[in-house]
């Protein structure tokens, strides 16, 4: 069965822009990501989401899971568990769109963190 593919527009706006500031993500006080190349995705009136380049995430902080979801505006999402310094895992705390739809293609190679599991600090000028 074909899944719907929708294009952002006036009824469902989505923007992806460079954040333009340093973004630091911490879990349990440990820095798991630190970047100056984050992207801010704003979808409708939902809270803005920071998409962090995967290359700027600590290699030992993520473990792939088998979970996946589908968004008709962004495509197929896959998930990671967030791994603590003590080896504990928070399942499906991080997501990525490996091959996002063209309208949000800039987020390819980036991950986003569920805010209830981490602290996301965006530096202010």
N, C-alpha and C. Protein backbone atom coordinates (compact mmCIF):
# COMPACT_ATOMS: atom_id res chain seq x y z
N UNK A 1 0.84 -1.18 0.00
CA UNK A 1 0.00 0.00 0.00
C UNK A 1 0.88 1.25 0.00
N UNK A 2 0.62 2.15 -0.89
CA UNK A 2 1.41 3.37 -0.99
C UNK A 2 1.11 4.30 0.18
N UNK A 3 2.17 4.87 0.69
CA UNK A 3 2.01 5.83 1.78
C UNK A 3 1.90 7.24 1.20
N UNK A 4 1.12 8.09 1.86
CA UNK A 4 0.98 9.45 1.34
C UNK A 4 2.29 10.24 1.49
N UNK A 5 2.56 11.07 0.50
CA UNK A 5 3.70 11.98 0.55
C UNK A 5 3.11 13.39 0.43
N UNK A 6 3.38 14.20 1.44
CA UNK A 6 2.82 15.55 1.45
C UNK A 6 3.93 16.58 1.36
N UNK A 7 3.61 17.71 0.75
CA UNK A 7 4.55 18.81 0.61
C UNK A 7 4.17 19.92 1.58
N UNK A 8 5.15 20.42 2.36
CA UNK A 8 4.84 21.54 3.25
C UNK A 8 4.29 22.72 2.46
N UNK A 9 3.38 23.45 3.08
CA UNK A 9 2.78 24.61 2.44
C UNK A 9 2.10 25.46 3.49
N UNK A 10 1.26 26.39 3.07
CA UNK A 10 0.61 27.29 4.02
C UNK A 10 -0.20 26.58 5.10
N UNK A 11 -0.78 25.42 4.77
CA UNK A 11 -1.58 24.69 5.75
C UNK A 11 -0.72 23.83 6.69
N UNK A 12 0.54 23.59 6.31
CA UNK A 12 1.46 22.80 7.13
C UNK A 12 2.89 23.25 6.82
N UNK A 13 3.26 24.44 7.32
CA UNK A 13 4.60 24.96 7.00
C UNK A 13 5.71 24.22 7.75
N UNK A 14 6.81 23.99 7.05
CA UNK A 14 8.03 23.45 7.65
C UNK A 14 9.20 24.24 7.09
N UNK A 15 10.07 24.70 7.98
CA UNK A 15 11.29 25.37 7.53
C UNK A 15 12.49 24.69 8.16
N UNK A 16 13.59 24.68 7.44
CA UNK A 16 14.87 24.16 7.93
C UNK A 16 15.91 25.23 7.64
N UNK A 17 16.51 25.76 8.71
CA UNK A 17 17.51 26.83 8.55
C UNK A 17 18.69 26.54 9.46
N UNK A 18 19.88 27.02 9.08
CA UNK A 18 21.02 26.88 9.99
C UNK A 18 20.72 27.58 11.31
N UNK A 19 21.07 26.93 12.40
CA UNK A 19 20.82 27.50 13.72
C UNK A 19 21.67 28.75 13.93
N UNK A 20 22.89 28.74 13.44
CA UNK A 20 23.75 29.91 13.53
C UNK A 20 24.33 30.14 14.91
N UNK A 21 24.34 29.11 15.75
CA UNK A 21 24.88 29.22 17.10
C UNK A 21 25.40 27.85 17.51
N UNK A 22 26.19 27.83 18.54
CA UNK A 22 26.68 26.56 19.08
C UNK A 22 25.54 25.86 19.81
N UNK A 23 25.40 24.57 19.56
CA UNK A 23 24.39 23.76 20.23
C UNK A 23 25.12 22.63 20.97
N UNK A 24 24.81 22.50 22.26
CA UNK A 24 25.40 21.45 23.09
C UNK A 24 24.25 20.62 23.65
N UNK A 25 24.37 19.30 23.52
CA UNK A 25 23.36 18.38 24.03
C UNK A 25 24.01 17.57 25.14
N UNK A 26 23.34 17.54 26.31
CA UNK A 26 23.84 16.79 27.46
C UNK A 26 22.79 15.77 27.91
N UNK A 27 23.30 14.63 28.35
CA UNK A 27 22.46 13.60 28.94
C UNK A 27 23.10 13.21 30.26
N UNK A 28 22.36 13.40 31.35
CA UNK A 28 22.92 13.08 32.66
C UNK A 28 24.18 13.88 32.95
N UNK A 29 24.27 15.10 32.43
CA UNK A 29 25.43 15.95 32.65
C UNK A 29 26.57 15.70 31.68
N UNK A 30 26.52 14.62 30.92
CA UNK A 30 27.57 14.27 29.95
C UNK A 30 27.25 14.90 28.60
N UNK A 31 28.24 15.54 27.99
CA UNK A 31 28.06 16.10 26.65
C UNK A 31 28.02 14.95 25.66
N UNK A 32 26.90 14.85 24.93
CA UNK A 32 26.76 13.81 23.91
C UNK A 32 26.83 14.39 22.49
N UNK A 33 26.69 15.71 22.38
CA UNK A 33 26.81 16.36 21.07
C UNK A 33 27.22 17.81 21.29
N UNK A 34 28.06 18.31 20.39
CA UNK A 34 28.53 19.68 20.45
C UNK A 34 28.81 20.11 19.02
N UNK A 35 28.10 21.14 18.55
CA UNK A 35 28.21 21.52 17.15
C UNK A 35 27.96 23.00 16.93
N UNK A 36 28.51 23.50 15.85
CA UNK A 36 28.16 24.83 15.36
C UNK A 36 27.46 24.71 14.00
N UNK A 37 27.09 23.48 13.65
CA UNK A 37 26.48 23.23 12.33
C UNK A 37 25.06 22.66 12.45
N UNK A 38 24.38 22.95 13.55
CA UNK A 38 23.02 22.45 13.74
C UNK A 38 22.05 23.14 12.78
N UNK A 39 20.95 22.45 12.53
CA UNK A 39 19.85 23.01 11.75
C UNK A 39 18.62 23.09 12.65
N UNK A 40 17.87 24.15 12.51
CA UNK A 40 16.61 24.29 13.25
C UNK A 40 15.46 23.97 12.30
N UNK A 41 14.69 22.95 12.68
CA UNK A 41 13.50 22.59 11.91
C UNK A 41 12.29 23.11 12.68
N UNK A 42 11.52 23.94 12.02
CA UNK A 42 10.28 24.47 12.60
C UNK A 42 9.12 23.93 11.79
N UNK A 43 8.26 23.17 12.45
CA UNK A 43 7.10 22.59 11.78
C UNK A 43 5.84 23.12 12.44
N UNK A 44 5.05 23.80 11.64
CA UNK A 44 3.81 24.42 12.12
C UNK A 44 4.10 25.21 13.40
N UNK A 45 3.26 24.99 14.44
CA UNK A 45 3.48 25.70 15.69
C UNK A 45 4.08 24.79 16.76
N UNK A 46 4.65 23.66 16.33
CA UNK A 46 5.33 22.76 17.26
C UNK A 46 6.63 23.41 17.73
N UNK A 47 7.16 22.98 18.88
CA UNK A 47 8.46 23.51 19.30
C UNK A 47 9.53 23.22 18.24
N UNK A 48 10.43 24.17 18.03
CA UNK A 48 11.53 23.99 17.08
C UNK A 48 12.41 22.84 17.54
N UNK A 49 12.97 22.12 16.58
CA UNK A 49 13.82 20.97 16.86
C UNK A 49 15.21 21.23 16.29
N UNK A 50 16.23 20.97 17.10
CA UNK A 50 17.61 21.07 16.65
C UNK A 50 18.04 19.75 16.03
N UNK A 51 18.47 19.79 14.79
CA UNK A 51 19.03 18.61 14.12
C UNK A 51 20.55 18.77 14.11
N UNK A 52 21.21 17.80 14.71
CA UNK A 52 22.65 17.83 14.93
C UNK A 52 23.34 16.91 13.93
N UNK A 53 24.42 17.38 13.27
CA UNK A 53 25.15 16.47 12.38
C UNK A 53 25.60 15.23 13.16
N UNK A 54 25.37 14.07 12.58
CA UNK A 54 25.76 12.82 13.25
C UNK A 54 27.25 12.82 13.57
N UNK A 55 28.05 13.46 12.74
CA UNK A 55 29.50 13.53 12.98
C UNK A 55 29.85 14.29 14.25
N UNK A 56 28.92 15.11 14.76
CA UNK A 56 29.18 15.90 15.97
C UNK A 56 28.56 15.29 17.22
N UNK A 57 28.14 14.03 17.13
CA UNK A 57 27.58 13.30 18.27
C UNK A 57 28.63 12.29 18.73
N UNK A 58 28.81 12.17 20.04
CA UNK A 58 29.77 11.21 20.58
C UNK A 58 29.46 9.81 20.05
N UNK A 59 30.47 9.16 19.49
CA UNK A 59 30.29 7.86 18.85
C UNK A 59 29.72 6.82 19.80
N UNK A 60 30.05 6.91 21.08
CA UNK A 60 29.59 5.91 22.05
C UNK A 60 28.25 6.26 22.68
N UNK A 61 27.61 7.33 22.22
CA UNK A 61 26.37 7.79 22.84
C UNK A 61 25.12 7.20 22.20
N UNK A 62 25.25 6.61 21.01
CA UNK A 62 24.09 6.13 20.28
C UNK A 62 24.21 4.65 19.95
N UNK A 63 23.09 3.96 20.05
CA UNK A 63 23.01 2.56 19.62
C UNK A 63 21.74 2.43 18.79
N UNK A 64 21.86 1.96 17.53
CA UNK A 64 20.68 1.84 16.67
C UNK A 64 19.64 0.89 17.28
N UNK A 65 18.37 1.19 17.05
CA UNK A 65 17.29 0.30 17.45
C UNK A 65 16.58 -0.17 16.18
N UNK A 66 15.63 -1.05 16.35
CA UNK A 66 14.85 -1.54 15.21
C UNK A 66 13.60 -0.71 14.96
N UNK A 67 13.40 0.34 15.74
CA UNK A 67 12.18 1.15 15.62
C UNK A 67 12.22 2.02 14.38
N UNK A 68 11.02 2.28 13.85
CA UNK A 68 10.90 3.20 12.73
C UNK A 68 9.49 3.79 12.75
N UNK A 69 9.38 4.97 12.18
CA UNK A 69 8.09 5.63 12.02
C UNK A 69 8.07 6.28 10.65
N UNK A 70 6.90 6.77 10.27
CA UNK A 70 6.76 7.44 8.99
C UNK A 70 6.07 8.77 9.16
N UNK A 71 6.61 9.79 8.52
CA UNK A 71 5.99 11.11 8.47
C UNK A 71 5.74 11.44 7.00
N UNK A 72 4.52 11.78 6.63
CA UNK A 72 4.24 12.06 5.22
C UNK A 72 4.96 13.31 4.70
N UNK A 73 5.48 14.16 5.60
CA UNK A 73 6.20 15.36 5.19
C UNK A 73 7.71 15.16 5.16
N UNK A 74 8.22 14.23 5.97
CA UNK A 74 9.67 14.07 6.08
C UNK A 74 10.18 12.72 5.61
N UNK A 75 9.37 11.68 5.69
CA UNK A 75 9.79 10.36 5.23
C UNK A 75 9.91 9.36 6.37
N UNK A 76 10.77 8.36 6.17
CA UNK A 76 10.97 7.30 7.15
C UNK A 76 12.01 7.71 8.18
N UNK A 77 11.64 7.58 9.45
CA UNK A 77 12.56 7.88 10.54
C UNK A 77 13.04 6.57 11.16
N UNK A 78 14.30 6.54 11.53
CA UNK A 78 14.83 5.43 12.31
C UNK A 78 15.34 6.00 13.63
N UNK A 79 15.60 5.12 14.57
CA UNK A 79 15.85 5.55 15.95
C UNK A 79 17.12 4.98 16.53
N UNK A 80 17.60 5.68 17.56
CA UNK A 80 18.75 5.25 18.35
C UNK A 80 18.36 5.28 19.82
N UNK A 81 18.99 4.39 20.58
CA UNK A 81 18.96 4.51 22.03
C UNK A 81 20.09 5.44 22.43
N UNK A 82 19.88 6.18 23.49
CA UNK A 82 20.90 7.04 24.06
C UNK A 82 21.60 6.25 25.15
N UNK A 83 22.91 6.08 25.02
CA UNK A 83 23.68 5.25 25.93
C UNK A 83 24.39 6.14 26.94
N UNK A 84 24.12 5.89 28.23
CA UNK A 84 24.75 6.66 29.30
C UNK A 84 26.17 6.19 29.56
N UNK A 85 26.93 6.99 30.29
CA UNK A 85 28.32 6.64 30.61
C UNK A 85 28.39 5.38 31.47
N UNK A 86 27.29 5.03 32.14
CA UNK A 86 27.26 3.81 32.96
C UNK A 86 26.70 2.61 32.18
N UNK A 87 26.46 2.80 30.87
CA UNK A 87 25.97 1.72 30.04
C UNK A 87 24.45 1.60 29.97
N UNK A 88 23.73 2.39 30.77
CA UNK A 88 22.28 2.34 30.70
C UNK A 88 21.82 2.94 29.37
N UNK A 89 20.66 2.51 28.92
CA UNK A 89 20.14 2.99 27.64
C UNK A 89 18.74 3.58 27.81
N UNK A 90 18.50 4.65 27.08
CA UNK A 90 17.16 5.22 26.97
C UNK A 90 16.71 4.90 25.55
N UNK A 91 15.78 3.98 25.42
CA UNK A 91 15.36 3.50 24.10
C UNK A 91 14.68 4.56 23.26
N UNK A 92 15.02 4.58 21.99
CA UNK A 92 14.38 5.45 21.00
C UNK A 92 14.35 6.92 21.43
N UNK A 93 15.45 7.38 22.01
CA UNK A 93 15.54 8.77 22.48
C UNK A 93 16.02 9.73 21.40
N UNK A 94 16.48 9.17 20.28
CA UNK A 94 17.08 9.97 19.21
C UNK A 94 16.53 9.45 17.88
N UNK A 95 16.25 10.37 16.96
CA UNK A 95 15.75 9.92 15.66
C UNK A 95 16.51 10.59 14.53
N UNK A 96 16.39 9.98 13.36
CA UNK A 96 17.02 10.51 12.15
C UNK A 96 16.19 10.15 10.94
N UNK A 97 16.29 10.99 9.93
CA UNK A 97 15.70 10.70 8.62
C UNK A 97 16.88 10.50 7.68
N UNK A 98 17.21 9.26 7.40
CA UNK A 98 18.38 8.95 6.58
C UNK A 98 18.21 9.47 5.15
N UNK A 99 17.02 9.30 4.61
CA UNK A 99 16.71 9.78 3.26
C UNK A 99 15.43 10.60 3.30
N UNK A 100 15.51 11.81 3.87
CA UNK A 100 14.29 12.62 4.00
C UNK A 100 13.79 13.09 2.64
N UNK A 101 12.52 13.45 2.61
CA UNK A 101 11.94 14.00 1.39
C UNK A 101 12.62 15.33 1.05
N UNK A 102 12.55 15.69 -0.23
CA UNK A 102 13.27 16.86 -0.73
C UNK A 102 13.01 18.14 0.05
N UNK A 103 11.78 18.34 0.49
CA UNK A 103 11.43 19.59 1.18
C UNK A 103 12.24 19.80 2.45
N UNK A 104 12.71 18.72 3.05
CA UNK A 104 13.51 18.81 4.27
C UNK A 104 14.84 18.08 4.10
N UNK A 105 15.30 17.97 2.87
CA UNK A 105 16.50 17.21 2.55
C UNK A 105 17.73 17.60 3.32
N UNK A 106 17.80 18.83 3.80
CA UNK A 106 18.97 19.29 4.55
C UNK A 106 19.20 18.51 5.84
N UNK A 107 18.16 17.86 6.39
CA UNK A 107 18.34 17.15 7.66
C UNK A 107 18.97 15.77 7.49
N UNK A 108 19.22 15.34 6.27
CA UNK A 108 19.92 14.07 6.05
C UNK A 108 21.27 14.15 6.76
N UNK A 109 21.67 13.05 7.40
CA UNK A 109 22.95 13.04 8.11
C UNK A 109 22.91 13.71 9.46
N UNK A 110 21.72 14.06 9.92
CA UNK A 110 21.53 14.73 11.21
C UNK A 110 20.64 13.87 12.11
N UNK A 111 20.75 14.10 13.41
CA UNK A 111 19.88 13.44 14.38
C UNK A 111 19.22 14.49 15.25
N UNK A 112 18.10 14.10 15.85
CA UNK A 112 17.40 14.97 16.79
C UNK A 112 17.13 14.17 18.06
N UNK A 113 17.08 14.87 19.18
CA UNK A 113 16.94 14.25 20.50
C UNK A 113 15.59 14.63 21.10
N UNK A 114 14.90 13.66 21.70
CA UNK A 114 13.68 13.99 22.43
C UNK A 114 14.05 14.81 23.65
N UNK A 115 13.46 15.99 23.81
CA UNK A 115 13.88 16.91 24.87
C UNK A 115 13.67 16.40 26.29
N UNK A 116 12.78 15.44 26.49
CA UNK A 116 12.57 14.92 27.84
C UNK A 116 13.73 14.05 28.31
N UNK A 117 14.64 13.69 27.38
CA UNK A 117 15.76 12.82 27.74
C UNK A 117 17.10 13.54 27.80
N UNK A 118 17.16 14.76 27.32
CA UNK A 118 18.42 15.49 27.26
C UNK A 118 18.20 16.97 27.59
N UNK A 119 19.30 17.67 27.76
CA UNK A 119 19.29 19.12 27.86
C UNK A 119 19.90 19.65 26.56
N UNK A 120 19.19 20.49 25.84
CA UNK A 120 19.70 21.08 24.61
C UNK A 120 19.93 22.56 24.88
N UNK A 121 21.18 22.95 24.75
CA UNK A 121 21.55 24.35 25.00
C UNK A 121 21.96 25.00 23.68
N UNK A 122 21.25 26.05 23.31
CA UNK A 122 21.58 26.83 22.13
C UNK A 122 22.20 28.13 22.64
N UNK A 123 23.46 28.35 22.30
CA UNK A 123 24.18 29.55 22.77
C UNK A 123 23.49 30.81 22.24
N UNK A 124 23.45 31.81 23.07
CA UNK A 124 22.92 33.09 22.63
C UNK A 124 24.06 34.06 22.44
N UNK A 125 23.88 34.96 21.52
CA UNK A 125 24.96 35.93 21.20
C UNK A 125 25.13 36.93 22.30
